[in-house]
Structures are given as structure tokens and as C-alpha cells.
């Protein structure tokens, strides 16, 4: 009887764990999709292909992000929200999920050299 209960408990935990992995995996994919949509709508005018048509040495490529201390999701969120220099703020135009998603998208593109 104890073997049966332990087996049942193990099976339940396994199903629960797999379910959590599936949910978090979908959430990450949705955020990157939303981020790509936001990027294409709001950012690509100046940053097409990860470049920068205004200040050419401040691209979205990983080397420039690192050089300019913009190589974290939090740093990109701050940049997008408040702007800086020639970049306007988008905190009033985009909601929190959109800003987080575009930040994750930009960093993912940079880290995987996908621009």
C-alpha cells in the first residue's frame, strides 16, 4: 500500500513539474513574439536590423550594448521607458508587458547574434 501511495505521489509531482515547464516555456515564447511585434512597430524605424541610424556606434548588437551598459533586461527597460539622448521615452506609449517583452526580445536578438 505504501508503494502505491509513493508511486501515485511521484506521478502527481512529475505531471505537475512537466506542466509548469510547459506553461513557462509558452510564456517566454509569447513575450518574445510580443517583443518582436513591438520592436517592428515602434523601434525598427531607427533600429532596423539591430543598427542605429541616428548614433551609429550605439547599435543593439551585443558589443555595443555591453560597451554602453545596456546589456541587461533592466537596463533596456529603463532605456525604453525613459529614453536617453536622442531616443525618446516610450513609457507613456507602451504598457509594462510590452516594454518587458521588447527588452527581452532585443537582448535575445543581441545575445544570439540574430539581427
C-alpha atoms as a PDB file:
ATOM      1  CA  UNK A   1       0.000   0.000   0.000  1.00  0.00           C
ATOM      2  CA  UNK A   2       2.858   2.384   0.828  1.00  0.00           C
ATOM      3  CA  UNK A   3       4.497   1.647  -2.538  1.00  0.00           C
ATOM      4  CA  UNK A   4       1.235   2.504  -4.289  1.00  0.00           C
ATOM      5  CA  UNK A   5       0.886   5.831  -2.426  1.00  0.00           C
ATOM      6  CA  UNK A   6       4.519   6.774  -3.074  1.00  0.00           C
ATOM      7  CA  UNK A   7       4.162   5.835  -6.718  1.00  0.00           C
ATOM      8  CA  UNK A   8       0.987   7.905  -7.012  1.00  0.00           C
ATOM      9  CA  UNK A   9       2.612  10.868  -5.260  1.00  0.00           C
ATOM     10  CA  UNK A  10       5.682  10.671  -7.517  1.00  0.00           C
ATOM     11  CA  UNK A  11       3.482  10.533 -10.622  1.00  0.00           C
ATOM     12  CA  UNK A  12       1.486  13.550  -9.464  1.00  0.00           C
ATOM     13  CA  UNK A  13       4.653  15.568  -8.819  1.00  0.00           C
ATOM     14  CA  UNK A  14       6.066  14.586 -12.194  1.00  0.00           C
ATOM     15  CA  UNK A  15       2.916  15.718 -14.011  1.00  0.00           C
ATOM     16  CA  UNK A  16       2.851  18.970 -12.043  1.00  0.00           C
ATOM     17  CA  UNK A  17       6.520  19.683 -12.806  1.00  0.00           C
ATOM     18  CA  UNK A  18       6.079  18.990 -16.527  1.00  0.00           C
ATOM     19  CA  UNK A  19       3.016  21.220 -16.608  1.00  0.00           C
ATOM     20  CA  UNK A  20       4.941  24.097 -15.062  1.00  0.00           C
ATOM     21  CA  UNK A  21       7.724  23.719 -17.621  1.00  0.00           C
ATOM     22  CA  UNK A  22       5.190  23.847 -20.436  1.00  0.00           C
ATOM     23  CA  UNK A  23       3.489  26.980 -19.072  1.00  0.00           C
ATOM     24  CA  UNK A  24       6.743  28.880 -18.510  1.00  0.00           C
ATOM     25  CA  UNK A  25       8.043  27.850 -21.933  1.00  0.00           C
ATOM     26  CA  UNK A  26       4.915  29.203 -23.601  1.00  0.00           C
ATOM     27  CA  UNK A  27       5.146  32.428 -21.591  1.00  0.00           C
ATOM     28  CA  UNK A  28       8.704  33.042 -22.790  1.00  0.00           C
ATOM     29  CA  UNK A  29       7.707  32.435 -26.416  1.00  0.00           C
ATOM     30  CA  UNK A  30       4.739  34.774 -26.153  1.00  0.00           C
ATOM     31  CA  UNK A  31       6.914  37.522 -24.651  1.00  0.00           C
ATOM     32  CA  UNK A  32       9.425  37.232 -27.493  1.00  0.00           C
ATOM     33  CA  UNK A  33       6.618  37.311 -30.056  1.00  0.00           C
ATOM     34  CA  UNK A  34       5.085  40.368 -28.403  1.00  0.00           C
ATOM     35  CA  UNK A  35       8.553  41.903 -28.184  1.00  0.00           C
ATOM     36  CA  UNK A  36       9.139  41.372 -31.887  1.00  0.00           C
ATOM     37  CA  UNK A  37       5.781  42.970 -32.712  1.00  0.00           C
ATOM     38  CA  UNK A  38       6.525  45.984 -30.505  1.00  0.00           C
ATOM     39  CA  UNK A  39      10.030  46.289 -31.968  1.00  0.00           C
ATOM     40  CA  UNK A  40       8.717  46.230 -35.531  1.00  0.00           C
ATOM     41  CA  UNK A  41       6.037  48.809 -34.720  1.00  0.00           C
ATOM     42  CA  UNK A  42       7.983  51.219 -32.510  1.00  0.00           C
ATOM     43  CA  UNK A  43      11.742  50.637 -32.813  1.00  0.00           C
ATOM     44  CA  UNK A  44      12.627  49.437 -36.294  1.00  0.00           C
ATOM     45  CA  UNK A  45      12.479  52.922 -37.800  1.00  0.00           C
ATOM     46  CA  UNK A  46      15.758  53.765 -36.066  1.00  0.00           C
ATOM     47  CA  UNK A  47      16.999  50.282 -35.137  1.00  0.00           C
ATOM     48  CA  UNK A  48      16.283  48.111 -38.186  1.00  0.00           C
ATOM     49  CA  UNK A  49      18.500  45.051 -38.164  1.00  0.00           C
ATOM     50  CA  UNK A  50      19.814  45.988 -34.718  1.00  0.00           C
ATOM     51  CA  UNK A  51      21.524  49.075 -36.114  1.00  0.00           C
ATOM     52  CA  UNK A  52      21.110  52.729 -35.138  1.00  0.00           C
ATOM     53  CA  UNK A  53      20.522  55.280 -37.891  1.00  0.00           C
ATOM     54  CA  UNK A  54      20.951  58.251 -35.514  1.00  0.00           C
ATOM     55  CA  UNK A  55      24.063  57.319 -33.485  1.00  0.00           C
ATOM     56  CA  UNK A  56      25.905  54.629 -35.421  1.00  0.00           C
ATOM     57  CA  UNK A  57      28.081  53.411 -32.519  1.00  0.00           C
ATOM     58  CA  UNK A  58      25.067  52.722 -30.271  1.00  0.00           C
ATOM     59  CA  UNK A  59      23.616  49.718 -32.053  1.00  0.00           C
ATOM     60  CA  UNK A  60      21.648  46.886 -30.480  1.00  0.00           C
ATOM     61  CA  UNK A  61      24.474  44.439 -31.157  1.00  0.00           C
ATOM     62  CA  UNK A  62      25.848  42.779 -28.020  1.00  0.00           C
ATOM     63  CA  UNK A  63      29.236  44.519 -28.190  1.00  0.00           C
ATOM     64  CA  UNK A  64      27.672  47.987 -28.213  1.00  0.00           C
ATOM     65  CA  UNK A  65      25.101  47.040 -25.573  1.00  0.00           C
ATOM     66  CA  UNK A  66      27.941  45.884 -23.293  1.00  0.00           C
ATOM     67  CA  UNK A  67      30.063  48.964 -24.066  1.00  0.00           C
ATOM     68  CA  UNK A  68      27.130  51.255 -23.228  1.00  0.00           C
ATOM     69  CA  UNK A  69      25.992  49.272 -20.134  1.00  0.00           C
ATOM     70  CA  UNK A  70      22.698  48.327 -21.807  1.00  0.00           C
ATOM     71  CA  UNK A  71      23.301  44.566 -21.759  1.00  0.00           C
ATOM     72  CA  UNK A  72      20.597  43.574 -19.265  1.00  0.00           C
ATOM     73  CA  UNK A  73      16.820  43.425 -19.461  1.00  0.00           C
ATOM     74  CA  UNK A  74      16.564  46.021 -16.677  1.00  0.00           C
ATOM     75  CA  UNK A  75      18.886  48.459 -18.461  1.00  0.00           C
ATOM     76  CA  UNK A  76      16.927  48.110 -21.701  1.00  0.00           C
ATOM     77  CA  UNK A  77      13.617  48.534 -19.837  1.00  0.00           C
ATOM     78  CA  UNK A  78      14.932  51.800 -18.362  1.00  0.00           C
ATOM     79  CA  UNK A  79      16.122  52.998 -21.785  1.00  0.00           C
ATOM     80  CA  UNK A  80      12.805  52.181 -23.460  1.00  0.00           C
ATOM     81  CA  UNK A  81      10.709  53.628 -20.632  1.00  0.00           C
ATOM     82  CA  UNK A  82      12.543  56.922 -20.075  1.00  0.00           C
ATOM     83  CA  UNK A  83      14.575  57.376 -23.251  1.00  0.00           C
ATOM     84  CA  UNK A  84      18.010  58.998 -23.221  1.00  0.00           C
ATOM     85  CA  UNK A  85      19.882  61.320 -25.538  1.00  0.00           C
ATOM     86  CA  UNK A  86      18.304  61.102 -28.995  1.00  0.00           C
ATOM     87  CA  UNK A  87      15.992  58.227 -28.063  1.00  0.00           C
ATOM     88  CA  UNK A  88      12.523  59.327 -26.967  1.00  0.00           C
ATOM     89  CA  UNK A  89      10.758  57.734 -23.986  1.00  0.00           C
ATOM     90  CA  UNK A  90       8.100  55.107 -24.668  1.00  0.00           C
ATOM     91  CA  UNK A  91       6.807  54.763 -21.097  1.00  0.00           C
ATOM     92  CA  UNK A  92       3.586  56.570 -21.966  1.00  0.00           C
ATOM     93  CA  UNK A  93       3.048  54.743 -25.278  1.00  0.00           C
ATOM     94  CA  UNK A  94       3.724  51.143 -24.221  1.00  0.00           C
ATOM     95  CA  UNK A  95       2.409  49.150 -21.288  1.00  0.00           C
ATOM     96  CA  UNK A  96       4.627  47.260 -18.842  1.00  0.00           C
ATOM     97  CA  UNK A  97       4.255  43.908 -20.612  1.00  0.00           C
ATOM     98  CA  UNK A  98       5.135  45.451 -23.984  1.00  0.00           C
ATOM     99  CA  UNK A  99       8.220  47.156 -22.540  1.00  0.00           C
ATOM    100  CA  UNK A 100       9.406  43.991 -20.785  1.00  0.00           C
ATOM    101  CA  UNK A 101       8.754  41.951 -23.910  1.00  0.00           C
ATOM    102  CA  UNK A 102      10.642  44.264 -26.246  1.00  0.00           C
ATOM    103  CA  UNK A 103      13.548  44.405 -23.791  1.00  0.00           C
ATOM    104  CA  UNK A 104      13.716  40.603 -23.675  1.00  0.00           C
ATOM    105  CA  UNK A 105      13.448  40.469 -27.466  1.00  0.00           C
ATOM    106  CA  UNK A 106      16.275  42.975 -28.016  1.00  0.00           C
ATOM    107  CA  UNK A 107      18.600  41.218 -25.568  1.00  0.00           C
ATOM    108  CA  UNK A 108      17.770  37.810 -27.026  1.00  0.00           C
ATOM    109  CA  UNK A 109      18.463  39.037 -30.570  1.00  0.00           C
ATOM    110  CA  UNK A 110      21.760  40.563 -29.447  1.00  0.00           C
ATOM    111  CA  UNK A 111      22.967  37.563 -27.442  1.00  0.00           C
ATOM    112  CA  UNK A 112      22.139  35.111 -30.226  1.00  0.00           C
ATOM    113  CA  UNK A 113      23.528  37.374 -32.986  1.00  0.00           C
ATOM    114  CA  UNK A 114      20.140  37.205 -34.676  1.00  0.00           C
ATOM    115  CA  UNK A 115      19.934  40.739 -36.018  1.00  0.00           C
END
